[in-house]
Amino acid sequence: MGMMIGVDRVPIFEWANAATGWNLTPAEYLRIGQRIQTLRQMFNIREGIDPHTLKINRRLIGDPPLESGPNKGVKYDLDILMKAYWREIGWDPETGIPTRATLESLDLLDIVDKSGKGEPK
């Protein structure tokens, strides 16, 4: 719900703290989320899943574009969006592999597969 209307309008972090008994800041919750996403990405890469193959339903990006309504004719380039997201979250924008700097900042470098498969740059 907070994603749809903004976390500034919904006290989602306060609710999470009340439910868990924690006293985390919004930044700490966002770091937890980034760690989860990065761990999921590393697991998928380790298991041989190419990040480029993970796609959303094409209709969500306007393919085909709607013929009426506020999003009439709107179409998004999913590859551009994926690369921008990967860059923003700290993954290589071409490969989707989390960078060494990202893994270090999230304290995840020690769990990278030592065989070199999925080894960050």
PDB file of N, CA and C in Angstrom:
ATOM      1  N   MET A   1       0.818  -1.183   0.000  1.00  0.00           N
ATOM      2  CA  MET A   1       0.000   0.000   0.000  1.00  0.00           C
ATOM      3  C   MET A   1       0.866   1.252   0.000  1.00  0.00           C
ATOM      4  N   GLY A   2       1.924   1.299   0.803  1.00  0.00           N
ATOM      5  CA  GLY A   2       2.795   2.457   0.843  1.00  0.00           C
ATOM      6  C   GLY A   2       3.456   2.734  -0.491  1.00  0.00           C
ATOM      7  N   MET A   3       3.732   1.661  -1.246  1.00  0.00           N
ATOM      8  CA  MET A   3       4.341   1.821  -2.558  1.00  0.00           C
ATOM      9  C   MET A   3       3.416   2.581  -3.495  1.00  0.00           C
ATOM     10  N   MET A   4       2.120   2.371  -3.355  1.00  0.00           N
ATOM     11  CA  MET A   4       1.159   2.977  -4.267  1.00  0.00           C
ATOM     12  C   MET A   4       0.881   4.441  -3.940  1.00  0.00           C
ATOM     13  N   ILE A   5       0.878   4.808  -2.659  1.00  0.00           N
ATOM     14  CA  ILE A   5       0.540   6.192  -2.320  1.00  0.00           C
ATOM     15  C   ILE A   5       1.683   6.927  -1.641  1.00  0.00           C
ATOM     16  N   GLY A   6       2.779   6.272  -1.389  1.00  0.00           N
ATOM     17  CA  GLY A   6       3.943   6.913  -0.798  1.00  0.00           C
ATOM     18  C   GLY A   6       4.091   6.612   0.677  1.00  0.00           C
ATOM     19  N   VAL A   7       5.308   6.308   1.081  1.00  0.00           N
ATOM     20  CA  VAL A   7       5.549   5.954   2.478  1.00  0.00           C
ATOM     21  C   VAL A   7       5.434   7.155   3.397  1.00  0.00           C
ATOM     22  N   ASP A   8       5.455   8.371   2.838  1.00  0.00           N
ATOM     23  CA  ASP A   8       5.281   9.551   3.686  1.00  0.00           C
ATOM     24  C   ASP A   8       3.842   9.694   4.166  1.00  0.00           C
ATOM     25  N   ARG A   9       2.900   9.073   3.450  1.00  0.00           N
ATOM     26  CA  ARG A   9       1.489   9.185   3.806  1.00  0.00           C
ATOM     27  C   ARG A   9       0.995   7.989   4.615  1.00  0.00           C
ATOM     28  N   VAL A  10       1.781   6.951   4.684  1.00  0.00           N
ATOM     29  CA  VAL A  10       1.405   5.762   5.443  1.00  0.00           C
ATOM     30  C   VAL A  10       2.553   5.453   6.415  1.00  0.00           C
ATOM     31  N   PRO A  11       2.275   5.339   7.704  1.00  0.00           N
ATOM     32  CA  PRO A  11       3.350   5.116   8.683  1.00  0.00           C
ATOM     33  C   PRO A  11       3.850   3.664   8.693  1.00  0.00           C
ATOM     34  N   ILE A  12       4.254   3.182   7.527  1.00  0.00           N
ATOM     35  CA  ILE A  12       4.602   1.770   7.383  1.00  0.00           C
ATOM     36  C   ILE A  12       5.794   1.366   8.253  1.00  0.00           C
ATOM     37  N   PHE A  13       6.783   2.253   8.402  1.00  0.00           N
ATOM     38  CA  PHE A  13       7.942   1.910   9.218  1.00  0.00           C
ATOM     39  C   PHE A  13       7.580   1.881  10.700  1.00  0.00           C
ATOM     40  N   GLU A  14       6.711   2.775  11.109  1.00  0.00           N
ATOM     41  CA  GLU A  14       6.249   2.758  12.496  1.00  0.00           C
ATOM     42  C   GLU A  14       5.454   1.475  12.769  1.00  0.00           C
ATOM     43  N   TRP A  15       4.638   1.069  11.813  1.00  0.00           N
ATOM     44  CA  TRP A  15       3.882  -0.172  11.965  1.00  0.00           C
ATOM     45  C   TRP A  15       4.823  -1.371  12.064  1.00  0.00           C
ATOM     46  N   ALA A  16       5.841  -1.390  11.224  1.00  0.00           N
ATOM     47  CA  ALA A  16       6.802  -2.498  11.264  1.00  0.00           C
ATOM     48  C   ALA A  16       7.510  -2.539  12.606  1.00  0.00           C
ATOM     49  N   ASN A  17       7.910  -1.385  13.111  1.00  0.00           N
ATOM     50  CA  ASN A  17       8.553  -1.347  14.429  1.00  0.00           C
ATOM     51  C   ASN A  17       7.601  -1.822  15.523  1.00  0.00           C
ATOM     52  N   ALA A  18       6.336  -1.404  15.458  1.00  0.00           N
ATOM     53  CA  ALA A  18       5.361  -1.825  16.462  1.00  0.00           C
ATOM     54  C   ALA A  18       5.120  -3.331  16.407  1.00  0.00           C
ATOM     55  N   ALA A  19       5.078  -3.880  15.203  1.00  0.00           N
ATOM     56  CA  ALA A  19       4.802  -5.311  15.040  1.00  0.00           C
ATOM     57  C   ALA A  19       5.985  -6.181  15.454  1.00  0.00           C
ATOM     58  N   THR A  20       7.202  -5.676  15.261  1.00  0.00           N
ATOM     59  CA  THR A  20       8.387  -6.491  15.534  1.00  0.00           C
ATOM     60  C   THR A  20       9.040  -6.197  16.874  1.00  0.00           C
ATOM     61  N   GLY A  21       8.738  -5.030  17.432  1.00  0.00           N
ATOM     62  CA  GLY A  21       9.421  -4.621  18.647  1.00  0.00           C
ATOM     63  C   GLY A  21      10.764  -3.980  18.368  1.00  0.00           C
ATOM     64  N   TRP A  22      11.078  -3.797  17.092  1.00  0.00           N
ATOM     65  CA  TRP A  22      12.341  -3.171  16.699  1.00  0.00           C
ATOM     66  C   TRP A  22      12.200  -1.667  16.792  1.00  0.00           C
ATOM     67  N   ASN A  23      13.299  -0.984  16.581  1.00  0.00           N
ATOM     68  CA  ASN A  23      13.304   0.477  16.507  1.00  0.00           C
ATOM     69  C   ASN A  23      14.208   0.889  15.347  1.00  0.00           C
ATOM     70  N   LEU A  24      13.876   0.401  14.159  1.00  0.00           N
ATOM     71  CA  LEU A  24      14.701   0.672  12.984  1.00  0.00           C
ATOM     72  C   LEU A  24      14.237   1.924  12.264  1.00  0.00           C
ATOM     73  N   THR A  25      15.179   2.573  11.605  1.00  0.00           N
ATOM     74  CA  THR A  25      14.870   3.757  10.805  1.00  0.00           C
ATOM     75  C   THR A  25      14.424   3.310   9.414  1.00  0.00           C
ATOM     76  N   PRO A  26      13.785   4.206   8.665  1.00  0.00           N
ATOM     77  CA  PRO A  26      13.436   3.875   7.281  1.00  0.00           C
ATOM     78  C   PRO A  26      14.655   3.435   6.467  1.00  0.00           C
ATOM     79  N   ALA A  27      15.789   4.083   6.666  1.00  0.00           N
ATOM     80  CA  ALA A  27      17.005   3.713   5.930  1.00  0.00           C
ATOM     81  C   ALA A  27      17.433   2.282   6.259  1.00  0.00           C
ATOM     82  N   GLU A  28      17.286   1.883   7.512  1.00  0.00           N
ATOM     83  CA  GLU A  28      17.650   0.519   7.901  1.00  0.00           C
ATOM     84  C   GLU A  28      16.711  -0.501   7.260  1.00  0.00           C
ATOM     85  N   TYR A  29      15.421  -0.188   7.192  1.00  0.00           N
ATOM     86  CA  TYR A  29      14.487  -1.092   6.517  1.00  0.00           C
ATOM     87  C   TYR A  29      14.795  -1.190   5.027  1.00  0.00           C
ATOM     88  N   LEU A  30      15.137  -0.074   4.412  1.00  0.00           N
ATOM     89  CA  LEU A  30      15.469  -0.098   2.984  1.00  0.00           C
ATOM     90  C   LEU A  30      16.743  -0.901   2.728  1.00  0.00           C
ATOM     91  N   ARG A  31      17.711  -0.815   3.646  1.00  0.00           N
ATOM     92  CA  ARG A  31      18.936  -1.620   3.512  1.00  0.00           C
ATOM     93  C   ARG A  31      18.604  -3.110   3.618  1.00  0.00           C
ATOM     94  N   ILE A  32      17.718  -3.463   4.530  1.00  0.00           N
ATOM     95  CA  ILE A  32      17.276  -4.855   4.649  1.00  0.00           C
ATOM     96  C   ILE A  32      16.650  -5.310   3.334  1.00  0.00           C
ATOM     97  N   GLY A  33      15.805  -4.474   2.754  1.00  0.00           N
ATOM     98  CA  GLY A  33      15.187  -4.808   1.471  1.00  0.00           C
ATOM     99  C   GLY A  33      16.207  -4.983   0.364  1.00  0.00           C
ATOM    100  N   GLN A  34      17.219  -4.111   0.344  1.00  0.00           N
ATOM    101  CA  GLN A  34      18.261  -4.240  -0.682  1.00  0.00           C
ATOM    102  C   GLN A  34      19.060  -5.524  -0.473  1.00  0.00           C
ATOM    103  N   ARG A  35      19.329  -5.881   0.770  1.00  0.00           N
ATOM    104  CA  ARG A  35      20.041  -7.140   1.043  1.00  0.00           C
ATOM    105  C   ARG A  35      19.217  -8.336   0.556  1.00  0.00           C
ATOM    106  N   ILE A  36      17.915  -8.313   0.818  1.00  0.00           N
ATOM    107  CA  ILE A  36      17.046  -9.409   0.386  1.00  0.00           C
ATOM    108  C   ILE A  36      17.060  -9.527  -1.137  1.00  0.00           C
ATOM    109  N   GLN A  37      16.866  -8.396  -1.830  1.00  0.00           N
ATOM    110  CA  GLN A  37      16.855  -8.420  -3.298  1.00  0.00           C
ATOM    111  C   GLN A  37      18.188  -8.911  -3.852  1.00  0.00           C
ATOM    112  N   THR A  38      19.281  -8.457  -3.245  1.00  0.00           N
ATOM    113  CA  THR A  38      20.610  -8.847  -3.720  1.00  0.00           C
ATOM    114  C   THR A  38      20.864 -10.329  -3.467  1.00  0.00           C
ATOM    115  N   LEU A  39      20.454 -10.832  -2.316  1.00  0.00           N
ATOM    116  CA  LEU A  39      20.598 -12.266  -2.038  1.00  0.00           C
ATOM    117  C   LEU A  39      19.787 -13.100  -3.019  1.00  0.00           C
ATOM    118  N   ARG A  40      18.566 -12.661  -3.329  1.00  0.00           N
ATOM    119  CA  ARG A  40      17.732 -13.372  -4.307  1.00  0.00           C
ATOM    120  C   ARG A  40      18.413 -13.383  -5.675  1.00  0.00           C
ATOM    121  N   GLN A  41      18.965 -12.250  -6.060  1.00  0.00           N
ATOM    122  CA  GLN A  41      19.633 -12.157  -7.359  1.00  0.00           C
ATOM    123  C   GLN A  41      20.850 -13.077  -7.403  1.00  0.00           C
ATOM    124  N   MET A  42      21.643 -13.079  -6.347  1.00  0.00           N
ATOM    125  CA  MET A  42      22.833 -13.937  -6.306  1.00  0.00           C
ATOM    126  C   MET A  42      22.439 -15.418  -6.325  1.00  0.00           C
ATOM    127  N   PHE A  43      21.379 -15.772  -5.621  1.00  0.00           N
ATOM    128  CA  PHE A  43      20.907 -17.160  -5.636  1.00  0.00           C
ATOM    129  C   PHE A  43      20.501 -17.560  -7.054  1.00  0.00           C
ATOM    130  N   ASN A  44      19.699 -16.717  -7.712  1.00  0.00           N
ATOM    131  CA  ASN A  44      19.265 -17.031  -9.069  1.00  0.00           C
ATOM    132  C   ASN A  44      20.446 -17.177 -10.022  1.00  0.00           C
ATOM    133  N   ILE A  45      21.414 -16.279  -9.919  1.00  0.00           N
ATOM    134  CA  ILE A  45      22.595 -16.354 -10.781  1.00  0.00           C
ATOM    135  C   ILE A  45      23.368 -17.636 -10.494  1.00  0.00           C
ATOM    136  N   ARG A  46      23.543 -17.957  -9.224  1.00  0.00           N
ATOM    137  CA  ARG A  46      24.245 -19.185  -8.863  1.00  0.00           C
ATOM    138  C   ARG A  46      23.561 -20.421  -9.432  1.00  0.00           C
ATOM    139  N   GLU A  47      22.229 -20.371  -9.486  1.00  0.00           N
ATOM    140  CA  GLU A  47      21.468 -21.511  -9.991  1.00  0.00           C
ATOM    141  C   GLU A  47      21.317 -21.497 -11.507  1.00  0.00           C
ATOM    142  N   GLY A  48      22.004 -20.577 -12.186  1.00  0.00           N
ATOM    143  CA  GLY A  48      22.024 -20.558 -13.641  1.00  0.00           C
ATOM    144  C   GLY A  48      20.894 -19.786 -14.299  1.00  0.00           C
ATOM    145  N   ILE A  49      20.184 -18.983 -13.533  1.00  0.00           N
ATOM    146  CA  ILE A  49      19.094 -18.194 -14.105  1.00  0.00           C
ATOM    147  C   ILE A  49      19.653 -16.872 -14.614  1.00  0.00           C
ATOM    148  N   ASP A  50      19.497 -16.629 -15.898  1.00  0.00           N
ATOM    149  CA  ASP A  50      19.964 -15.388 -16.512  1.00  0.00           C
ATOM    150  C   ASP A  50      18.995 -14.270 -16.132  1.00  0.00           C
ATOM    151  N   PRO A  51      19.474 -13.193 -15.475  1.00  0.00           N
ATOM    152  CA  PRO A  51      18.579 -12.108 -15.072  1.00  0.00           C
ATOM    153  C   PRO A  51      17.807 -11.477 -16.229  1.00  0.00           C
ATOM    154  N   HIS A  52      18.343 -11.557 -17.429  1.00  0.00           N
ATOM    155  CA  HIS A  52      17.654 -10.987 -18.584  1.00  0.00           C
ATOM    156  C   HIS A  52      16.382 -11.757 -18.938  1.00  0.00           C
ATOM    157  N   THR A  53      16.258 -12.984 -18.457  1.00  0.00           N
ATOM    158  CA  THR A  53      15.085 -13.792 -18.798  1.00  0.00           C
ATOM    159  C   THR A  53      13.914 -13.553 -17.853  1.00  0.00           C
ATOM    160  N   LEU A  54      14.141 -12.867 -16.747  1.00  0.00           N
ATOM    161  CA  LEU A  54      13.080 -12.603 -15.782  1.00  0.00           C
ATOM    162  C   LEU A  54      12.323 -11.353 -16.221  1.00  0.00           C
ATOM    163  N   LYS A  55      11.170 -11.543 -16.795  1.00  0.00           N
ATOM    164  CA  LYS A  55      10.394 -10.432 -17.350  1.00  0.00           C
ATOM    165  C   LYS A  55       9.007 -10.376 -16.726  1.00  0.00           C
ATOM    166  N   ILE A  56       8.450  -9.197 -16.722  1.00  0.00           N
ATOM    167  CA  ILE A  56       7.077  -9.016 -16.263  1.00  0.00           C
ATOM    168  C   ILE A  56       6.133  -9.192 -17.450  1.00  0.00           C
ATOM    169  N   ASN A  57       4.867  -9.263 -17.158  1.00  0.00           N
ATOM    170  CA  ASN A  57       3.873  -9.361 -18.215  1.00  0.00           C
ATOM    171  C   ASN A  57       3.985  -8.133 -19.110  1.00  0.00           C
ATOM    172  N   ARG A  58       4.058  -8.321 -20.406  1.00  0.00           N
ATOM    173  CA  ARG A  58       4.258  -7.229 -21.369  1.00  0.00           C
ATOM    174  C   ARG A  58       3.144  -6.181 -21.292  1.00  0.00           C
ATOM    175  N   ARG A  59       1.966  -6.576 -20.893  1.00  0.00           N
ATOM    176  CA  ARG A  59       0.867  -5.604 -20.809  1.00  0.00           C
ATOM    177  C   ARG A  59       1.132  -4.543 -19.750  1.00  0.00           C
ATOM    178  N   LEU A  60       1.923  -4.882 -18.723  1.00  0.00           N
ATOM    179  CA  LEU A  60       2.244  -3.912 -17.678  1.00  0.00           C
ATOM    180  C   LEU A  60       3.123  -2.774 -18.186  1.00  0.00           C
ATOM    181  N   ILE A  61       3.811  -2.990 -19.298  1.00  0.00           N
ATOM    182  CA  ILE A  61       4.665  -1.945 -19.864  1.00  0.00           C
ATOM    183  C   ILE A  61       4.063  -1.346 -21.133  1.00  0.00           C
ATOM    184  N   GLY A  62       2.777  -1.638 -21.369  1.00  0.00           N
ATOM    185  CA  GLY A  62       2.085  -1.041 -22.501  1.00  0.00           C
ATOM    186  C   GLY A  62       2.304  -1.752 -23.814  1.00  0.00           C
ATOM    187  N   ASP A  63       2.437  -3.051 -23.791  1.00  0.00           N
ATOM    188  CA  ASP A  63       2.635  -3.824 -25.021  1.00  0.00           C
ATOM    189  C   ASP A  63       1.532  -4.867 -25.126  1.00  0.00           C
ATOM    190  N   PRO A  64       0.510  -4.614 -25.871  1.00  0.00           N
ATOM    191  CA  PRO A  64       0.306  -3.468 -26.761  1.00  0.00           C
ATOM    192  C   PRO A  64      -0.172  -2.251 -25.983  1.00  0.00           C
ATOM    193  N   PRO A  65       0.079  -1.043 -26.520  1.00  0.00           N
ATOM    194  CA  PRO A  65      -0.379   0.179 -25.846  1.00  0.00           C
ATOM    195  C   PRO A  65      -1.902   0.224 -25.745  1.00  0.00           C
ATOM    196  N   LEU A  66      -2.378   0.798 -24.644  1.00  0.00           N
ATOM    197  CA  LEU A  66      -3.816   0.960 -24.478  1.00  0.00           C
ATOM    198  C   LEU A  66      -4.362   1.921 -25.533  1.00  0.00           C
ATOM    199  N   GLU A  67      -5.600   1.698 -25.918  1.00  0.00           N
ATOM    200  CA  GLU A  67      -6.211   2.531 -26.946  1.00  0.00           C
ATOM    201  C   GLU A  67      -7.034   3.676 -26.360  1.00  0.00           C
ATOM    202  N   SER A  68      -7.257   3.660 -25.043  1.00  0.00           N
ATOM    203  CA  SER A  68      -8.009   4.745 -24.408  1.00  0.00           C
ATOM    204  C   SER A  68      -7.562   4.866 -22.956  1.00  0.00           C
ATOM    205  N   GLY A  69      -8.021   5.934 -22.303  1.00  0.00           N
ATOM    206  CA  GLY A  69      -7.698   6.140 -20.901  1.00  0.00           C
ATOM    207  C   GLY A  69      -6.445   6.964 -20.708  1.00  0.00           C
ATOM    208  N   PRO A  70      -6.065   7.199 -19.438  1.00  0.00           N
ATOM    209  CA  PRO A  70      -4.922   8.078 -19.145  1.00  0.00           C
ATOM    210  C   PRO A  70      -3.583   7.531 -19.647  1.00  0.00           C
ATOM    211  N   ASN A  71      -3.488   6.233 -19.857  1.00  0.00           N
ATOM    212  CA  ASN A  71      -2.244   5.647 -20.360  1.00  0.00           C
ATOM    213  C   ASN A  71      -2.319   5.285 -21.839  1.00  0.00           C
ATOM    214  N   LYS A  72      -3.231   5.923 -22.537  1.00  0.00           N
ATOM    215  CA  LYS A  72      -3.406   5.669 -23.970  1.00  0.00           C
ATOM    216  C   LYS A  72      -2.080   5.899 -24.708  1.00  0.00           C
ATOM    217  N   GLY A  73      -1.676   4.892 -25.458  1.00  0.00           N
ATOM    218  CA  GLY A  73      -0.480   5.009 -26.282  1.00  0.00           C
ATOM    219  C   GLY A  73       0.836   4.927 -25.535  1.00  0.00           C
ATOM    220  N   VAL A  74       0.818   4.754 -24.210  1.00  0.00           N
ATOM    221  CA  VAL A  74       2.050   4.725 -23.418  1.00  0.00           C
ATOM    222  C   VAL A  74       2.670   3.326 -23.488  1.00  0.00           C
ATOM    223  N   LYS A  75       3.967   3.289 -23.782  1.00  0.00           N
ATOM    224  CA  LYS A  75       4.717   2.034 -23.812  1.00  0.00           C
ATOM    225  C   LYS A  75       6.100   2.301 -23.224  1.00  0.00           C
ATOM    226  N   TYR A  76       6.576   1.380 -22.414  1.00  0.00           N
ATOM    227  CA  TYR A  76       7.876   1.524 -21.759  1.00  0.00           C
ATOM    228  C   TYR A  76       8.843   0.494 -22.304  1.00  0.00           C
ATOM    229  N   ASP A  77      10.112   0.870 -22.368  1.00  0.00           N
ATOM    230  CA  ASP A  77      11.160  -0.046 -22.804  1.00  0.00           C
ATOM    231  C   ASP A  77      11.668  -0.802 -21.577  1.00  0.00           C
ATOM    232  N   LEU A  78      11.299  -2.065 -21.454  1.00  0.00           N
ATOM    233  CA  LEU A  78      11.635  -2.858 -20.278  1.00  0.00           C
ATOM    234  C   LEU A  78      13.145  -3.009 -20.105  1.00  0.00           C
ATOM    235  N   ASP A  79      13.885  -3.156 -21.180  1.00  0.00           N
ATOM    236  CA  ASP A  79      15.340  -3.312 -21.053  1.00  0.00           C
ATOM    237  C   ASP A  79      15.982  -2.064 -20.446  1.00  0.00           C
ATOM    238  N   ILE A  80      15.510  -0.887 -20.852  1.00  0.00           N
ATOM    239  CA  ILE A  80      16.032   0.354 -20.271  1.00  0.00           C
ATOM    240  C   ILE A  80      15.674   0.433 -18.792  1.00  0.00           C
ATOM    241  N   LEU A  81      14.432   0.076 -18.445  1.00  0.00           N
ATOM    242  CA  LEU A  81      14.009   0.105 -17.045  1.00  0.00           C
ATOM    243  C   LEU A  81      14.805  -0.881 -16.191  1.00  0.00           C
ATOM    244  N   MET A  82      15.040  -2.094 -16.720  1.00  0.00           N
ATOM    245  CA  MET A  82      15.817  -3.096 -15.973  1.00  0.00           C
ATOM    246  C   MET A  82      17.229  -2.597 -15.709  1.00  0.00           C
ATOM    247  N   LYS A  83      17.880  -2.060 -16.735  1.00  0.00           N
ATOM    248  CA  LYS A  83      19.250  -1.584 -16.563  1.00  0.00           C
ATOM    249  C   LYS A  83      19.317  -0.419 -15.579  1.00  0.00           C
ATOM    250  N   ALA A  84      18.338   0.472 -15.629  1.00  0.00           N
ATOM    251  CA  ALA A  84      18.309   1.602 -14.691  1.00  0.00           C
ATOM    252  C   ALA A  84      18.116   1.103 -13.259  1.00  0.00           C
ATOM    253  N   TYR A  85      17.225   0.113 -13.069  1.00  0.00           N
ATOM    254  CA  TYR A  85      16.997  -0.461 -11.738  1.00  0.00           C
ATOM    255  C   TYR A  85      18.259  -1.153 -11.237  1.00  0.00           C
ATOM    256  N   TRP A  86      18.867  -1.961 -12.104  1.00  0.00           N
ATOM    257  CA  TRP A  86      20.083  -2.666 -11.697  1.00  0.00           C
ATOM    258  C   TRP A  86      21.181  -1.680 -11.299  1.00  0.00           C
ATOM    259  N   ARG A  87      21.346  -0.618 -12.062  1.00  0.00           N
ATOM    260  CA  ARG A  87      22.366   0.385 -11.749  1.00  0.00           C
ATOM    261  C   ARG A  87      22.044   1.035 -10.392  1.00  0.00           C
ATOM    262  N   GLU A  88      20.789   1.401 -10.181  1.00  0.00           N
ATOM    263  CA  GLU A  88      20.374   2.091  -8.959  1.00  0.00           C
ATOM    264  C   GLU A  88      20.557   1.220  -7.720  1.00  0.00           C
ATOM    265  N   ILE A  89      20.287  -0.078  -7.841  1.00  0.00           N
ATOM    266  CA  ILE A  89      20.385  -0.966  -6.680  1.00  0.00           C
ATOM    267  C   ILE A  89      21.826  -1.457  -6.448  1.00  0.00           C
ATOM    268  N   GLY A  90      22.726  -1.141  -7.389  1.00  0.00           N
ATOM    269  CA  GLY A  90      24.135  -1.503  -7.201  1.00  0.00           C
ATOM    270  C   GLY A  90      24.546  -2.780  -7.899  1.00  0.00           C
ATOM    271  N   TRP A  91      23.860  -3.104  -8.984  1.00  0.00           N
ATOM    272  CA  TRP A  91      24.203  -4.273  -9.780  1.00  0.00           C
ATOM    273  C   TRP A  91      24.724  -3.803 -11.125  1.00  0.00           C
ATOM    274  N   ASP A  92      25.545  -4.617 -11.767  1.00  0.00           N
ATOM    275  CA  ASP A  92      26.049  -4.267 -13.087  1.00  0.00           C
ATOM    276  C   ASP A  92      24.867  -4.091 -14.044  1.00  0.00           C
ATOM    277  N   PRO A  93      24.754  -2.928 -14.702  1.00  0.00           N
ATOM    278  CA  PRO A  93      23.587  -2.684 -15.552  1.00  0.00           C
ATOM    279  C   PRO A  93      23.512  -3.567 -16.790  1.00  0.00           C
ATOM    280  N   GLU A  94      24.607  -4.175 -17.189  1.00  0.00           N
ATOM    281  CA  GLU A  94      24.589  -5.044 -18.371  1.00  0.00           C
ATOM    282  C   GLU A  94      24.306  -6.501 -18.023  1.00  0.00           C
ATOM    283  N   THR A  95      24.808  -6.953 -16.874  1.00  0.00           N
ATOM    284  CA  THR A  95      24.692  -8.374 -16.521  1.00  0.00           C
ATOM    285  C   THR A  95      23.663  -8.655 -15.430  1.00  0.00           C
ATOM    286  N   GLY A  96      23.366  -7.651 -14.601  1.00  0.00           N
ATOM    287  CA  GLY A  96      22.476  -7.866 -13.464  1.00  0.00           C
ATOM    288  C   GLY A  96      23.171  -8.490 -12.276  1.00  0.00           C
ATOM    289  N   ILE A  97      24.485  -8.637 -12.336  1.00  0.00           N
ATOM    290  CA  ILE A  97      25.246  -9.217 -11.224  1.00  0.00           C
ATOM    291  C   ILE A  97      25.581  -8.115 -10.221  1.00  0.00           C
ATOM    292  N   PRO A  98      25.265  -8.311  -8.956  1.00  0.00           N
ATOM    293  CA  PRO A  98      25.620  -7.313  -7.943  1.00  0.00           C
ATOM    294  C   PRO A  98      27.119  -7.032  -7.961  1.00  0.00           C
ATOM    295  N   THR A  99      27.468  -5.767  -7.852  1.00  0.00           N
ATOM    296  CA  THR A  99      28.884  -5.395  -7.892  1.00  0.00           C
ATOM    297  C   THR A  99      29.566  -5.747  -6.577  1.00  0.00           C
ATOM    298  N   ARG A 100      30.883  -5.846  -6.644  1.00  0.00           N
ATOM    299  CA  ARG A 100      31.666  -6.119  -5.445  1.00  0.00           C
ATOM    300  C   ARG A 100      31.430  -5.029  -4.400  1.00  0.00           C
ATOM    301  N   ALA A 101      31.381  -3.765  -4.837  1.00  0.00           N
ATOM    302  CA  ALA A 101      31.163  -2.659  -3.898  1.00  0.00           C
ATOM    303  C   ALA A 101      29.811  -2.795  -3.198  1.00  0.00           C
ATOM    304  N   THR A 102      28.788  -3.206  -3.944  1.00  0.00           N
ATOM    305  CA  THR A 102      27.463  -3.391  -3.348  1.00  0.00           C
ATOM    306  C   THR A 102      27.484  -4.520  -2.328  1.00  0.00           C
ATOM    307  N   LEU A 103      28.104  -5.634  -2.688  1.00  0.00           N
ATOM    308  CA  LEU A 103      28.182  -6.769  -1.767  1.00  0.00           C
ATOM    309  C   LEU A 103      28.948  -6.387  -0.503  1.00  0.00           C
ATOM    310  N   GLU A 104      30.022  -5.616  -0.662  1.00  0.00           N
ATOM    311  CA  GLU A 104      30.784  -5.165   0.503  1.00  0.00           C
ATOM    312  C   GLU A 104      29.935  -4.246   1.376  1.00  0.00           C
ATOM    313  N   SER A 105      29.218  -3.301   0.762  1.00  0.00           N
ATOM    314  CA  SER A 105      28.431  -2.346   1.539  1.00  0.00           C
ATOM    315  C   SER A 105      27.266  -3.013   2.268  1.00  0.00           C
ATOM    316  N   LEU A 106      26.791  -4.141   1.742  1.00  0.00           N
ATOM    317  CA  LEU A 106      25.681  -4.867   2.359  1.00  0.00           C
ATOM    318  C   LEU A 106      26.162  -6.021   3.248  1.00  0.00           C
ATOM    319  N   ASP A 107      27.481  -6.117   3.446  1.00  0.00           N
ATOM    320  CA  ASP A 107      28.078  -7.195   4.244  1.00  0.00           C
ATOM    321  C   ASP A 107      27.700  -8.571   3.703  1.00  0.00           C
ATOM    322  N   LEU A 108      27.737  -8.730   2.379  1.00  0.00           N
ATOM    323  CA  LEU A 108      27.378  -9.996   1.742  1.00  0.00           C
ATOM    324  C   LEU A 108      28.531 -10.631   0.974  1.00  0.00           C
ATOM    325  N   LEU A 109      29.667  -9.969   0.927  1.00  0.00           N
ATOM    326  CA  LEU A 109      30.773 -10.461   0.102  1.00  0.00           C
ATOM    327  C   LEU A 109      31.239 -11.845   0.535  1.00  0.00           C
ATOM    328  N   ASP A 110      31.161 -12.140   1.816  1.00  0.00           N
ATOM    329  CA  ASP A 110      31.651 -13.422   2.319  1.00  0.00           C
ATOM    330  C   ASP A 110      30.799 -14.609   1.884  1.00  0.00           C
ATOM    331  N   ILE A 111      29.599 -14.388   1.372  1.00  0.00           N
ATOM    332  CA  ILE A 111      28.762 -15.518   0.969  1.00  0.00           C
ATOM    333  C   ILE A 111      28.737 -15.750  -0.540  1.00  0.00           C
ATOM    334  N   VAL A 112      29.519 -14.950  -1.276  1.00  0.00           N
ATOM    335  CA  VAL A 112      29.586 -15.147  -2.721  1.00  0.00           C
ATOM    336  C   VAL A 112      30.208 -16.506  -3.003  1.00  0.00           C
ATOM    337  N   ASP A 113      29.660 -17.192  -3.968  1.00  0.00           N
ATOM    338  CA  ASP A 113      30.158 -18.506  -4.357  1.00  0.00           C
ATOM    339  C   ASP A 113      31.655 -18.440  -4.643  1.00  0.00           C
ATOM    340  N   LYS A 114      32.418 -19.190  -3.898  1.00  0.00           N
ATOM    341  CA  LYS A 114      33.870 -19.150  -4.022  1.00  0.00           C
ATOM    342  C   LYS A 114      34.388 -19.799  -5.307  1.00  0.00           C
ATOM    343  N   SER A 115      33.526 -20.486  -6.029  1.00  0.00           N
ATOM    344  CA  SER A 115      33.945 -21.113  -7.281  1.00  0.00           C
ATOM    345  C   SER A 115      34.127 -20.092  -8.395  1.00  0.00           C
ATOM    346  N   GLY A 116      33.675 -18.861  -8.161  1.00  0.00           N
ATOM    347  CA  GLY A 116      33.796 -17.835  -9.183  1.00  0.00           C
ATOM    348  C   GLY A 116      32.522 -17.657  -9.981  1.00  0.00           C
ATOM    349  N   LYS A 117      31.598 -18.605  -9.906  1.00  0.00           N
ATOM    350  CA  LYS A 117      30.335 -18.475 -10.639  1.00  0.00           C
ATOM    351  C   LYS A 117      29.526 -17.363  -9.993  1.00  0.00           C
ATOM    352  N   GLY A 118      29.214 -16.353 -10.788  1.00  0.00           N
ATOM    353  CA  GLY A 118      28.483 -15.223 -10.257  1.00  0.00           C
ATOM    354  C   GLY A 118      29.363 -14.266  -9.480  1.00  0.00           C
ATOM    355  N   GLU A 119      30.672 -14.421  -9.607  1.00  0.00           N
ATOM    356  CA  GLU A 119      31.607 -13.537  -8.908  1.00  0.00           C
ATOM    357  C   GLU A 119      31.436 -12.109  -9.404  1.00  0.00           C
ATOM    358  N   PRO A 120      31.255 -11.144  -8.509  1.00  0.00           N
ATOM    359  CA  PRO A 120      31.072  -9.761  -8.919  1.00  0.00           C
ATOM    360  C   PRO A 120      32.372  -9.152  -9.428  1.00  0.00           C
ATOM    361  N   LYS A 121      32.226  -8.106 -10.210  1.00  0.00           N
ATOM    362  CA  LYS A 121      33.389  -7.380 -10.748  1.00  0.00           C
ATOM    363  C   LYS A 121      33.980  -6.482  -9.702  1.00  0.00           C
TER     364      LYS A 121
END
